[in-house]
Amino acid sequence: MSVTISLLFSLFSVVMLVSIVFVGVKVAGLQVLFGVIIPYAAFATFLAGVVYRVVEWARSPVPFRIPTTCGQQKSHSWIKANNLENPCNTIGVIGRMALEILFFRSLFRNLKFELRKGPKLVFWSSKWLWVAALAFHWSLLIVLLRHLRLFTEPVPSFVHLLEGIDGFFQITLPTLYMSGVVLLAAVTYLFLRRVVIPQLRYVSLPADYFPLFLIMGVVISGILMRYFFKVDIIGVKELTLGLATFNPKVPEGIGIFFYIHLFLVSILFAYFPFSKLMHMAGVFLSPTRNLANNNRMVRHINPWNYPVEVHTYEEYEDEFREKMKEAGLPVEKE
């Protein structure tokens, strides 16, 4: 599939999803379907899919230690070891995983290379992807935590604190949350990066473009709903609290943009376990990251090895001793 077709197919898919909910709510009046049934089905799919993928990964045999390392391994006491880059114990693994999960430490080392005249292969540091990834994931986390105010009553105090920090600038009314702006900017950069860089554009598939367009749709619909096309926030809270307490009620007059936003979020949740987005859970189960590199201290034997009959040298010599003597070959036993 060509690059243009992959991009247009993904964009068209998201546009069709928006059209489906628009027709379903505005024309057919299927508020219960899009406000209750689909969100429940999507969340159930998300939970079942994540559990299935995690169990499948956990069942994969890893008999040997295969961590990716870039530091000195622990050996002699007079050789300084790097327990974060090459952990030999659980504490080192926890530290390494924490830096990887919270700050994308391996991505921070991202290098860009180019073949120039000579020919000469040139390497240099490329931090923009790391900055965009960090901004995207942290702003997405903040947005998710802020949305807890819709599903809880009373609202937890840390949500109020987070909203105060997020809306510190007070640029507009209602308050402009910086996490939404940063999230949209970050996902836009990740999309443009795939379009502008020829090597990345060449290997990009619909599975790469579709989640980006889907997340863009979620963010843009949320921004439009908050700042431009008002919805009945009391009705939204009533519906979301009903969903959280398994006693859903669909109030009248919430607004079409809420159903578009909710439907795109539901599709994202249902799609999540079967996409590349599952790296969120996969990083915890990656043997290249979550294992201590203690190969010099512990001998690791494959527990799935089946017993093999061997023919020892002693048995070989007992069988052919006379012939070995006749041929002038040395033997251990006369």
Protein backbone atom coordinates (compact mmCIF):
# COMPACT_ATOMS: atom_id res chain seq x y z
CA MET A 1 0.00 0.00 0.00
CA SER A 2 1.46 3.39 -1.03
CA VAL A 3 2.13 6.17 1.46
CA THR A 4 -0.66 8.41 0.13
CA ILE A 5 -3.22 5.60 0.20
CA SER A 6 -2.22 4.63 3.76
CA LEU A 7 -2.59 8.23 4.94
CA LEU A 8 -5.87 8.90 3.16
CA PHE A 9 -7.33 5.55 4.22
CA SER A 10 -6.59 6.32 7.88
CA LEU A 11 -7.97 9.85 7.62
CA PHE A 12 -11.08 8.63 5.82
CA SER A 13 -11.65 6.00 8.51
CA VAL A 14 -11.71 8.63 11.26
CA VAL A 15 -13.97 10.93 9.21
CA MET A 16 -16.36 8.01 8.68
CA LEU A 17 -16.41 7.33 12.43
CA VAL A 18 -17.39 10.95 13.06
CA SER A 19 -20.06 10.73 10.35
CA ILE A 20 -21.49 7.54 11.86
CA VAL A 21 -22.03 9.07 15.28
CA PHE A 22 -23.38 12.31 13.75
CA VAL A 23 -25.98 10.43 11.74
CA GLY A 24 -26.71 8.02 14.58
CA VAL A 25 -27.41 10.75 17.13
CA LYS A 26 -28.78 13.59 15.01
CA VAL A 27 -30.87 11.55 12.56
CA ALA A 28 -31.62 8.19 14.17
CA GLY A 29 -31.71 9.39 17.80
CA LEU A 30 -29.48 6.56 19.06
CA GLN A 31 -28.22 8.41 22.15
CA VAL A 32 -28.40 5.25 24.29
CA LEU A 33 -26.33 3.29 21.80
CA PHE A 34 -23.56 5.90 21.56
CA GLY A 35 -23.78 7.10 25.14
CA VAL A 36 -24.09 3.80 27.02
CA ILE A 37 -23.83 0.58 25.03
CA ILE A 38 -20.77 1.43 22.91
CA PRO A 39 -18.73 2.89 25.83
CA TYR A 40 -19.40 -0.22 27.94
CA ALA A 41 -18.54 -2.53 25.03
CA ALA A 42 -15.36 -0.57 24.29
CA PHE A 43 -14.20 -0.65 27.91
CA ALA A 44 -14.90 -4.39 28.17
CA THR A 45 -12.94 -4.95 24.95
CA PHE A 46 -10.10 -2.84 26.32
CA LEU A 47 -9.88 -4.82 29.57
CA ALA A 48 -10.22 -8.23 27.91
CA GLY A 49 -7.72 -7.33 25.18
CA VAL A 50 -5.10 -5.97 27.57
CA VAL A 51 -5.40 -8.99 29.87
CA TYR A 52 -5.13 -11.35 26.91
CA ARG A 53 -2.06 -9.63 25.48
CA VAL A 54 -0.32 -9.42 28.86
CA VAL A 55 -1.01 -13.08 29.64
CA GLU A 56 0.28 -14.11 26.21
CA TRP A 57 3.47 -12.12 26.73
CA ALA A 58 3.89 -13.44 30.26
CA ARG A 59 3.63 -17.02 29.00
CA SER A 60 6.43 -16.52 26.48
CA PRO A 61 9.50 -18.44 27.64
CA VAL A 62 12.57 -16.39 28.55
CA PRO A 63 15.08 -18.98 29.80
CA PHE A 64 18.12 -16.72 29.45
CA ARG A 65 19.02 -13.19 30.47
CA ILE A 66 18.94 -10.98 27.37
CA PRO A 67 18.90 -7.37 28.65
CA THR A 68 20.04 -4.63 26.29
CA THR A 69 22.99 -2.97 27.97
CA CYS A 70 25.31 -0.05 27.29
CA GLY A 71 27.39 0.08 30.44
CA GLN A 72 30.02 -1.88 32.34
CA GLN A 73 28.73 -5.14 33.80
CA LYS A 74 29.54 -6.06 37.37
CA SER A 75 32.51 -8.43 37.60
CA HIS A 76 35.63 -7.80 39.70
CA SER A 77 35.45 -5.48 42.70
CA TRP A 78 38.14 -3.20 41.25
CA ILE A 79 36.17 -2.61 38.02
CA LYS A 80 33.51 0.08 38.40
CA ALA A 81 30.10 -1.21 37.26
CA ASN A 82 27.11 0.80 36.02
CA ASN A 83 24.07 -0.58 37.81
CA LEU A 84 21.59 1.57 35.85
CA GLU A 85 22.91 0.82 32.37
CA ASN A 86 23.80 -2.78 33.19
CA PRO A 87 21.87 -3.76 36.35
CA CYS A 88 22.97 -6.85 38.20
CA ASN A 89 20.22 -6.83 40.87
CA THR A 90 16.57 -5.93 41.38
CA ILE A 91 17.29 -2.40 42.65
CA GLY A 92 19.18 -1.61 39.46
CA VAL A 93 16.36 -3.02 37.33
CA ILE A 94 13.77 -0.91 39.18
CA GLY A 95 15.87 2.22 38.69
CA ARG A 96 16.40 1.49 35.02
CA MET A 97 12.72 0.73 34.41
CA ALA A 98 11.63 3.87 36.27
CA LEU A 99 13.85 6.07 34.11
CA GLU A 100 12.65 4.27 30.99
CA ILE A 101 8.93 4.51 31.82
CA LEU A 102 8.87 8.02 33.26
CA PHE A 103 11.52 9.77 31.15
CA PHE A 104 12.10 7.52 28.07
CA ARG A 105 15.81 7.25 28.82
CA SER A 106 16.66 5.05 25.85
CA LEU A 107 14.85 7.44 23.47
CA PHE A 108 16.87 10.31 24.94
CA ARG A 109 19.92 8.70 23.35
CA ASN A 110 18.23 8.72 19.95
CA LEU A 111 20.80 9.31 17.22
CA LYS A 112 20.28 10.55 13.70
CA PHE A 113 22.62 9.40 10.97
CA GLU A 114 23.14 10.41 7.39
CA LEU A 115 25.40 9.30 4.55
CA ARG A 116 27.23 12.34 3.22
CA LYS A 117 29.80 12.98 0.54
CA GLY A 118 32.93 10.96 0.86
CA PRO A 119 31.07 8.65 1.44
CA LYS A 120 30.98 9.39 5.14
CA LEU A 121 28.48 8.23 7.74
CA VAL A 122 27.71 11.07 10.15
CA PHE A 123 25.96 10.66 13.51
CA TRP A 124 24.48 13.40 15.68
CA SER A 125 22.07 13.68 18.57
CA SER A 126 18.36 14.05 17.78
CA LYS A 127 16.29 15.09 20.78
CA TRP A 128 13.10 16.39 19.13
CA LEU A 129 11.47 12.98 19.06
CA TRP A 130 12.28 12.51 22.75
CA VAL A 131 10.81 15.92 23.62
CA ALA A 132 7.64 15.25 21.61
CA ALA A 133 7.17 11.78 23.05
CA LEU A 134 7.67 13.06 26.60
CA ALA A 135 5.24 15.94 26.03
CA PHE A 136 2.66 13.64 24.43
CA HIS A 137 2.64 10.96 27.11
CA TRP A 138 2.77 13.28 30.13
CA SER A 139 0.11 15.65 28.79
CA LEU A 140 -2.10 12.66 27.93
CA LEU A 141 -1.73 11.41 31.52
CA ILE A 142 -2.68 14.81 32.90
CA VAL A 143 -5.73 15.01 30.63
CA LEU A 144 -6.87 11.55 31.76
CA LEU A 145 -6.45 12.46 35.43
CA ARG A 146 -8.35 15.73 34.95
CA HIS A 147 -11.27 13.79 33.47
CA LEU A 148 -11.70 12.00 36.80
CA ARG A 149 -13.83 14.95 37.87
CA LEU A 150 -16.53 13.63 35.52
CA PHE A 151 -16.56 10.16 37.06
CA THR A 152 -16.25 10.94 40.77
CA GLU A 153 -18.34 12.76 43.35
CA PRO A 154 -16.90 14.35 45.39
CA VAL A 155 -13.98 15.19 43.11
CA PRO A 156 -10.61 14.12 44.62
CA SER A 157 -8.47 16.97 45.93
CA PHE A 158 -5.51 16.05 43.73
CA VAL A 159 -7.71 16.61 40.64
CA HIS A 160 -8.46 20.17 41.82
CA LEU A 161 -4.75 20.71 42.42
CA LEU A 162 -3.87 19.35 38.99
CA GLU A 163 -6.47 21.56 37.32
CA GLY A 164 -5.11 24.60 39.12
CA ILE A 165 -1.58 23.93 37.92
CA ASP A 166 -2.70 23.00 34.40
CA GLY A 167 -4.79 26.17 34.03
CA PHE A 168 -2.29 28.45 35.75
CA PHE A 169 -2.09 31.03 32.95
CA GLN A 170 -5.85 31.78 32.92
CA ILE A 171 -5.64 33.00 29.31
CA THR A 172 -9.32 32.52 28.46
CA LEU A 173 -12.67 31.78 29.97
CA PRO A 174 -13.27 28.93 30.40
CA THR A 175 -9.73 28.28 31.61
CA LEU A 176 -7.31 27.19 28.91
CA TYR A 177 -5.64 23.97 30.03
CA MET A 178 -2.08 23.78 28.73
CA SER A 179 -2.11 19.98 28.72
CA GLY A 180 -4.67 19.99 25.88
CA VAL A 181 -2.60 22.43 23.81
CA VAL A 182 0.62 20.48 24.41
CA LEU A 183 -1.09 17.19 23.60
CA LEU A 184 -2.40 18.51 20.27
CA ALA A 185 0.99 20.02 19.39
CA ALA A 186 2.84 16.80 20.27
CA VAL A 187 0.56 14.47 18.30
CA THR A 188 0.69 16.89 15.35
CA TYR A 189 4.50 16.80 15.44
CA LEU A 190 4.48 12.98 15.55
CA PHE A 191 2.20 12.96 12.50
CA LEU A 192 4.22 15.54 10.53
CA ARG A 193 7.40 13.65 11.34
CA ARG A 194 6.00 10.59 9.57
CA VAL A 195 4.98 12.67 6.57
CA VAL A 196 8.07 14.87 6.19
CA ILE A 197 10.92 12.41 6.81
CA PRO A 198 11.23 10.26 3.64
CA GLN A 199 12.65 7.17 5.36
CA LEU A 200 9.91 7.18 8.00
CA ARG A 201 7.20 7.92 5.43
CA TYR A 202 8.33 4.93 3.38
CA VAL A 203 7.83 2.45 6.24
CA SER A 204 4.61 3.99 7.62
CA LEU A 205 1.41 1.95 7.36
CA PRO A 206 -2.26 2.62 8.12
CA ALA A 207 -1.61 1.14 11.56
CA ASP A 208 0.79 4.05 12.15
CA TYR A 209 -1.45 6.83 10.84
CA PHE A 210 -4.83 5.67 12.15
CA PRO A 211 -4.10 6.02 15.91
CA LEU A 212 -2.57 9.45 15.31
CA PHE A 213 -5.67 10.67 13.45
CA LEU A 214 -7.88 9.05 16.08
CA ILE A 215 -6.08 10.80 18.94
CA MET A 216 -6.19 14.07 16.98
CA GLY A 217 -9.94 13.59 16.62
CA VAL A 218 -10.35 13.01 20.34
CA VAL A 219 -8.29 16.09 21.25
CA ILE A 220 -9.86 18.41 18.67
CA SER A 221 -13.40 17.36 19.55
CA GLY A 222 -12.63 17.94 23.23
CA ILE A 223 -11.20 21.41 22.53
CA LEU A 224 -14.17 22.34 20.32
CA MET A 225 -16.58 21.09 22.95
CA ARG A 226 -14.91 23.08 25.73
CA TYR A 227 -14.16 26.41 24.05
CA PHE A 228 -16.41 26.80 20.99
CA PHE A 229 -19.49 24.55 20.93
CA LYS A 230 -20.91 24.37 24.42
CA VAL A 231 -22.48 21.23 25.82
CA ASP A 232 -24.63 20.66 28.89
CA ILE A 233 -21.88 19.89 31.40
CA ILE A 234 -24.40 18.95 34.10
CA GLY A 235 -25.96 16.41 31.74
CA VAL A 236 -22.49 15.12 30.82
CA LYS A 237 -21.62 14.65 34.51
CA GLU A 238 -24.91 12.87 35.12
CA LEU A 239 -24.21 10.47 32.25
CA THR A 240 -20.57 9.79 33.17
CA LEU A 241 -21.40 9.23 36.84
CA GLY A 242 -24.13 6.84 35.76
CA LEU A 243 -21.63 4.96 33.60
CA ALA A 244 -19.15 4.76 36.48
CA THR A 245 -21.78 3.47 38.92
CA PHE A 246 -23.39 1.10 36.39
CA ASN A 247 -26.63 3.05 36.57
CA PRO A 248 -26.52 4.99 33.28
CA LYS A 249 -29.08 7.59 32.30
CA VAL A 250 -28.94 9.63 29.10
CA PRO A 251 -30.12 13.22 29.71
CA GLU A 252 -31.61 15.27 26.91
CA GLY A 253 -29.75 18.05 25.12
CA ILE A 254 -26.15 17.14 25.93
CA GLY A 255 -24.87 18.12 22.50
CA ILE A 256 -23.59 16.24 19.46
CA PHE A 257 -19.92 17.09 20.07
CA PHE A 258 -19.98 15.18 23.34
CA TYR A 259 -21.20 12.04 21.57
CA ILE A 260 -18.52 12.45 18.88
CA HIS A 261 -15.87 12.85 21.56
CA LEU A 262 -17.16 9.89 23.57
CA PHE A 263 -17.43 7.68 20.49
CA LEU A 264 -13.87 8.42 19.35
CA VAL A 265 -12.59 7.72 22.87
CA SER A 266 -14.52 4.43 22.86
CA ILE A 267 -13.00 3.43 19.51
CA LEU A 268 -9.54 4.33 20.83
CA PHE A 269 -10.08 2.15 23.91
CA ALA A 270 -11.35 -0.80 21.87
CA TYR A 271 -8.52 -0.45 19.34
CA PHE A 272 -5.79 -0.06 21.97
CA PRO A 273 -5.05 -3.73 22.84
CA PHE A 274 -4.68 -4.72 19.19
CA SER A 275 -2.41 -1.88 18.11
CA LYS A 276 1.11 -0.58 18.60
CA LEU A 277 -0.26 1.48 21.49
CA MET A 278 0.08 -1.65 23.63
CA HIS A 279 3.73 -0.72 24.16
CA MET A 280 2.36 0.94 27.31
CA ALA A 281 2.00 -2.52 28.88
CA GLY A 282 4.67 -4.22 26.79
CA VAL A 283 7.51 -2.17 28.25
CA PHE A 284 6.93 -3.81 31.64
CA LEU A 285 7.27 -7.29 30.12
CA SER A 286 10.23 -6.65 27.83
CA PRO A 287 13.07 -9.05 28.73
CA THR A 288 15.56 -6.61 27.23
CA ARG A 289 14.61 -4.15 29.97
CA ASN A 290 13.19 -5.96 33.01
CA LEU A 291 15.95 -8.51 33.66
CA ALA A 292 19.09 -8.16 35.73
CA ASN A 293 22.26 -8.96 33.81
CA ASN A 294 23.83 -11.38 36.28
CA ASN A 295 25.23 -13.89 33.79
CA ARG A 296 28.69 -13.70 35.35
CA MET A 297 27.31 -14.53 38.78
CA VAL A 298 24.56 -17.05 38.05
CA ARG A 299 24.52 -19.88 35.55
CA HIS A 300 21.22 -19.88 33.65
CA ILE A 301 20.09 -23.27 32.31
CA ASN A 302 17.19 -23.61 29.93
CA PRO A 303 14.48 -25.33 32.02
CA TRP A 304 12.81 -26.63 28.86
CA ASN A 305 15.83 -28.64 27.73
CA TYR A 306 14.92 -32.31 27.46
CA PRO A 307 17.43 -34.98 28.59
CA VAL A 308 19.82 -36.02 25.85
CA GLU A 309 21.71 -39.32 25.80
CA VAL A 310 25.43 -38.67 25.46
CA HIS A 311 28.33 -40.93 24.51
CA THR A 312 31.23 -40.02 26.81
CA TYR A 313 34.87 -40.35 25.85
CA GLU A 314 35.33 -43.10 28.42
CA GLU A 315 32.58 -45.12 26.77
CA TYR A 316 34.05 -44.38 23.34
CA GLU A 317 37.49 -45.58 24.43
CA ASP A 318 36.12 -48.75 26.01
CA GLU A 319 34.40 -49.52 22.72
CA PHE A 320 37.34 -48.85 20.41
CA ARG A 321 40.41 -49.27 22.65
CA GLU A 322 41.96 -52.17 20.77
CA LYS A 323 41.47 -50.53 17.40
CA MET A 324 42.94 -47.30 18.74
CA LYS A 325 46.02 -49.17 19.93
CA GLU A 326 46.43 -50.87 16.57
CA ALA A 327 46.23 -47.48 14.87
CA GLY A 328 48.86 -46.05 17.28
CA LEU A 329 46.44 -43.66 18.96
CA PRO A 330 47.08 -42.85 22.67
CA VAL A 331 44.60 -44.23 25.18
CA GLU A 332 43.98 -43.27 28.79
CA LYS A 333 43.49 -46.82 29.98
CA GLU A 334 45.68 -49.77 29.00
